Amino acid sequence: MIFIAEIGMNYNGHFPLCYELIKHAKFSGANIVKFQLGWRDKPGEINQLDKAKIKQLYEWADYFEIDLMFSIISIDAFNIIKQFKPNKIKIASRTLRDNIDLAKKIVDLKIETFVSLGMWENKKKLPFKKKKDLYYLWCKSKYPTDNKDLANVFPAKFDQNNIVGYSDHSIGIEMPILAISRGAQIIEKHFTLDKSDTTIRDHVLSATPEEFLQMTKIGKDIFKKLRLKI
């Protein structure tokens, strides 16, 4: 069972806050912390991460013994992250929709790759053939997602058609728990220290450290019981 804490831009452009977010993600049971690279990253924007800041993020993640991963949104971001020789990477559904050539370059790195399918419109064919270390995450790209958005479309099983995980944008932790009960082996959930923060839209659909910890504890227990067929 893998839990990804999507910090994204929930540090509100205040870079030192990333330290606290990484620390709390680790203590909340996350296996991976994730940021976005190449999105709202122009000078003065909320997510401007240069090489020095990326290096610092890797050092903080290493200190707390948690894996660090980036969603790569632009070719410039791709060229920067290659210099750090990452062992895992994320293809955002936005990248699949807007720049499939960049997505192919990411897959060609032949490292552990997570792919969100929220904006992938071809329901009959996945973007890339099945291969080692390539993991597809079912996703609904609405922020936040509510119950009516998921009714009749949420997968009945997550171990079919190479889709093995769920990238969540709903409020609360119920949908990730439901996904695990239906076989999901990877859960990605946005992570925040303050859900009432209105700096960006992602805070409200994120899990706090307390919620994330509850999700990982319940999720791991369900996962074990399913493996034991209890």
Protein backbone atom coordinates (compact mmCIF):
# COMPACT_ATOMS: atom_id res chain seq x y z
CA MET A 1 0.00 0.00 0.00
CA ILE A 2 1.42 3.37 -1.05
CA PHE A 3 0.13 6.73 0.22
CA ILE A 4 1.14 9.91 -1.61
CA ALA A 5 0.72 13.24 0.20
CA GLU A 6 0.16 15.83 -2.52
CA ILE A 7 1.53 19.05 -1.06
CA GLY A 8 1.48 20.77 -4.43
CA MET A 9 1.09 24.48 -3.86
CA ASN A 10 -0.37 24.20 -0.35
CA TYR A 11 2.72 25.92 1.00
CA ASN A 12 1.15 29.13 -0.41
CA GLY A 13 4.41 30.36 -1.92
CA HIS A 14 6.00 30.45 1.55
CA PHE A 15 8.84 28.02 0.95
CA PRO A 16 9.92 27.40 4.60
CA LEU A 17 6.45 25.96 5.22
CA CYS A 18 7.44 23.03 2.99
CA TYR A 19 9.60 21.74 5.85
CA GLU A 20 6.60 21.48 8.17
CA LEU A 21 4.41 19.94 5.47
CA ILE A 22 7.01 17.26 4.68
CA LYS A 23 7.50 16.52 8.39
CA HIS A 24 3.79 16.18 9.10
CA ALA A 25 3.24 14.08 5.97
CA LYS A 26 5.85 11.62 7.22
CA PHE A 27 4.29 11.46 10.68
CA SER A 28 0.86 10.98 9.08
CA GLY A 29 1.88 7.77 7.34
CA ALA A 30 2.67 9.02 3.83
CA ASN A 31 5.24 7.08 1.82
CA ILE A 32 5.77 9.87 -0.71
CA VAL A 33 5.42 13.65 -0.64
CA LYS A 34 4.69 15.33 -3.94
CA PHE A 35 5.10 18.82 -5.35
CA GLN A 36 4.33 20.29 -8.77
CA LEU A 37 7.06 21.52 -11.07
CA GLY A 38 6.32 23.74 -14.06
CA TRP A 39 2.93 25.09 -12.99
CA ARG A 40 2.36 28.69 -11.81
CA ASP A 41 6.12 28.94 -11.59
CA LYS A 42 6.93 32.26 -13.24
CA PRO A 43 8.85 34.91 -11.21
CA GLY A 44 6.60 36.17 -8.44
CA GLU A 45 4.07 33.33 -8.82
CA ILE A 46 3.07 31.02 -6.00
CA ASN A 47 5.03 27.96 -7.14
CA GLN A 48 8.39 29.30 -8.27
CA LEU A 49 10.80 26.46 -7.47
CA ASP A 50 14.36 26.92 -8.71
CA LYS A 51 17.16 24.35 -8.49
CA ALA A 52 18.26 25.57 -5.06
CA LYS A 53 14.78 25.09 -3.64
CA ILE A 54 14.40 21.69 -5.28
CA LYS A 55 17.70 20.63 -3.73
CA GLN A 56 16.45 21.80 -0.34
CA LEU A 57 13.22 19.80 -0.74
CA TYR A 58 15.25 16.67 -1.44
CA GLU A 59 17.36 17.32 1.64
CA TRP A 60 14.32 17.81 3.86
CA ALA A 61 12.66 14.66 2.50
CA ASP A 62 15.87 12.70 3.05
CA TYR A 63 16.06 13.99 6.63
CA PHE A 64 12.55 12.76 7.39
CA GLU A 65 13.14 9.53 5.45
CA ILE A 66 10.28 9.99 3.02
CA ASP A 67 10.39 9.80 -0.77
CA LEU A 68 10.01 13.00 -2.77
CA MET A 69 8.26 13.16 -6.13
CA PHE A 70 7.30 15.90 -8.57
CA SER A 71 4.52 16.22 -11.11
CA ILE A 72 6.21 17.52 -14.25
CA ILE A 73 4.11 20.05 -16.16
CA SER A 74 6.54 21.67 -18.62
CA ILE A 75 9.58 20.77 -20.69
CA ASP A 76 11.69 23.21 -18.66
CA ALA A 77 10.63 21.43 -15.48
CA PHE A 78 11.50 18.10 -17.10
CA ASN A 79 15.00 19.31 -17.98
CA ILE A 80 15.54 20.59 -14.44
CA ILE A 81 14.35 17.47 -12.63
CA LYS A 82 16.53 15.18 -14.77
CA GLN A 83 19.56 16.86 -13.21
CA PHE A 84 18.49 15.47 -9.81
CA LYS A 85 18.25 11.88 -11.12
CA PRO A 86 14.86 11.19 -9.48
CA ASN A 87 13.86 7.61 -8.69
CA LYS A 88 10.16 8.32 -9.20
CA ILE A 89 8.05 10.85 -11.08
CA LYS A 90 4.43 11.81 -11.73
CA ILE A 91 2.65 12.55 -14.98
CA ALA A 92 -0.27 14.84 -14.24
CA SER A 93 -3.44 14.35 -16.25
CA ARG A 94 -2.96 17.93 -17.47
CA THR A 95 0.31 16.85 -19.08
CA LEU A 96 -1.38 13.90 -20.80
CA ARG A 97 -3.97 16.25 -22.26
CA ASP A 98 -1.78 19.20 -23.19
CA ASN A 99 1.63 17.69 -23.95
CA ILE A 100 1.63 13.97 -24.72
CA ASP A 101 5.17 14.25 -26.15
CA LEU A 102 6.42 15.42 -22.76
CA ALA A 103 4.58 12.54 -21.11
CA LYS A 104 6.37 10.12 -23.42
CA LYS A 105 9.74 11.64 -22.50
CA ILE A 106 8.90 11.10 -18.83
CA VAL A 107 7.96 7.46 -19.39
CA ASP A 108 11.18 6.95 -21.35
CA LEU A 109 13.19 7.74 -18.20
CA LYS A 110 12.30 4.19 -17.13
CA ILE A 111 11.87 5.05 -13.47
CA GLU A 112 8.87 4.52 -11.19
CA THR A 113 6.12 6.54 -12.89
CA PHE A 114 2.63 7.41 -11.62
CA VAL A 115 0.06 8.59 -14.18
CA SER A 116 -3.21 10.36 -13.33
CA LEU A 117 -6.02 9.79 -15.81
CA GLY A 118 -8.40 12.59 -14.82
CA MET A 119 -8.14 14.48 -18.12
CA TRP A 120 -7.47 11.45 -20.33
CA GLU A 121 -10.53 11.24 -22.58
CA ASN A 122 -9.90 7.93 -24.35
CA LYS A 123 -11.72 5.54 -22.02
CA LYS A 124 -10.96 2.50 -24.18
CA LYS A 125 -7.20 2.87 -24.41
CA LEU A 126 -4.59 3.85 -21.85
CA PRO A 127 -1.85 6.32 -22.86
CA PHE A 128 1.01 3.80 -22.66
CA LYS A 129 1.39 0.04 -22.82
CA LYS A 130 1.74 -1.93 -19.63
CA LYS A 131 5.32 -1.87 -18.41
CA LYS A 132 7.33 -2.30 -15.26
CA ASP A 133 7.10 0.59 -12.75
CA LEU A 134 4.22 2.33 -14.60
CA TYR A 135 1.17 2.87 -12.39
CA TYR A 136 -2.14 4.36 -13.51
CA LEU A 137 -4.32 6.29 -11.04
CA TRP A 138 -8.03 6.74 -11.62
CA CYS A 139 -8.97 10.38 -11.10
CA LYS A 140 -11.81 12.86 -11.50
CA SER A 141 -10.38 16.27 -12.38
CA LYS A 142 -12.83 18.50 -10.56
CA TYR A 143 -11.75 20.56 -7.55
CA PRO A 144 -13.39 19.63 -5.26
CA THR A 145 -15.16 16.48 -6.42
CA ASP A 146 -18.49 15.71 -4.76
CA ASN A 147 -20.58 12.56 -4.58
CA LYS A 148 -22.69 13.29 -7.64
CA ASP A 149 -19.53 13.67 -9.73
CA LEU A 150 -18.44 10.17 -8.73
CA ALA A 151 -21.80 8.42 -8.88
CA ASN A 152 -21.87 5.66 -11.52
CA VAL A 153 -18.28 6.35 -12.64
CA PHE A 154 -16.19 5.38 -9.60
CA PRO A 155 -14.46 2.05 -10.35
CA ALA A 156 -16.01 -1.09 -8.91
CA LYS A 157 -12.54 -2.67 -8.85
CA PHE A 158 -9.10 -1.10 -8.98
CA ASP A 159 -7.09 -4.14 -10.03
CA GLN A 160 -8.32 -4.26 -13.61
CA ASN A 161 -7.04 -2.66 -16.83
CA ASN A 162 -3.72 -1.70 -15.18
CA ILE A 163 -5.42 0.99 -13.07
CA VAL A 164 -4.11 0.24 -9.59
CA GLY A 165 -4.64 3.48 -7.66
CA TYR A 166 -6.77 6.53 -7.00
CA SER A 167 -5.85 10.21 -7.09
CA ASP A 168 -8.45 11.96 -4.94
CA HIS A 169 -9.95 15.45 -5.10
CA SER A 170 -12.94 14.90 -2.83
CA ILE A 171 -13.57 16.49 0.55
CA GLY A 172 -12.84 14.07 3.39
CA ILE A 173 -11.18 10.67 3.39
CA GLU A 174 -14.19 8.46 2.65
CA MET A 175 -13.53 8.04 -1.08
CA PRO A 176 -9.89 6.97 -0.65
CA ILE A 177 -11.04 4.41 1.94
CA LEU A 178 -13.70 3.17 -0.49
CA ALA A 179 -11.07 2.90 -3.22
CA ILE A 180 -8.84 0.77 -0.99
CA SER A 181 -11.78 -1.50 -0.18
CA ARG A 182 -12.19 -1.96 -3.95
CA GLY A 183 -8.57 -2.95 -4.46
CA ALA A 184 -6.64 0.31 -4.87
CA GLN A 185 -3.00 -0.15 -3.91
CA ILE A 186 -1.97 3.51 -4.31
CA ILE A 187 -3.76 6.54 -2.85
CA GLU A 188 -2.85 10.13 -3.65
CA LYS A 189 -4.52 12.76 -1.47
CA HIS A 190 -3.87 16.49 -1.19
CA PHE A 191 -2.28 17.47 2.13
CA THR A 192 -2.54 20.69 4.16
CA LEU A 193 -1.97 22.05 7.63
CA ASP A 194 -5.09 24.25 7.42
CA LYS A 195 -8.21 23.35 5.43
CA SER A 196 -9.73 26.77 6.08
CA ASP A 197 -6.93 28.48 4.14
CA THR A 198 -8.33 30.13 1.00
CA THR A 199 -5.05 31.06 -0.69
CA ILE A 200 -5.69 28.37 -3.31
CA ARG A 201 -8.59 26.02 -3.92
CA ASP A 202 -6.69 22.87 -2.96
CA HIS A 203 -6.76 23.40 0.81
CA VAL A 204 -10.44 22.58 1.23
CA LEU A 205 -10.15 19.23 -0.56
CA SER A 206 -6.97 18.28 1.28
CA ALA A 207 -6.49 16.12 4.36
CA THR A 208 -5.04 17.54 7.55
CA PRO A 209 -2.31 15.55 9.32
CA GLU A 210 -4.93 14.05 11.64
CA GLU A 211 -7.18 13.04 8.75
CA PHE A 212 -4.32 11.70 6.68
CA LEU A 213 -3.10 9.59 9.60
CA GLN A 214 -6.59 8.20 10.11
CA MET A 215 -6.78 7.40 6.39
CA THR A 216 -3.44 5.58 6.34
CA LYS A 217 -4.22 3.57 9.47
CA ILE A 218 -7.66 2.46 8.29
CA GLY A 219 -6.44 1.97 4.73
CA LYS A 220 -3.53 -0.25 5.69
CA ASP A 221 -5.79 -2.35 7.91
CA ILE A 222 -8.32 -2.82 5.09
CA PHE A 223 -5.52 -3.64 2.66
CA LYS A 224 -4.15 -6.35 4.98
CA LYS A 225 -7.59 -7.85 5.52
CA LEU A 226 -8.21 -7.98 1.77
CA ARG A 227 -4.85 -9.72 1.25
CA LEU A 228 -5.76 -12.25 3.94
CA LYS A 229 -9.30 -12.53 2.45
CA ILE A 230 -10.90 -11.89 5.83
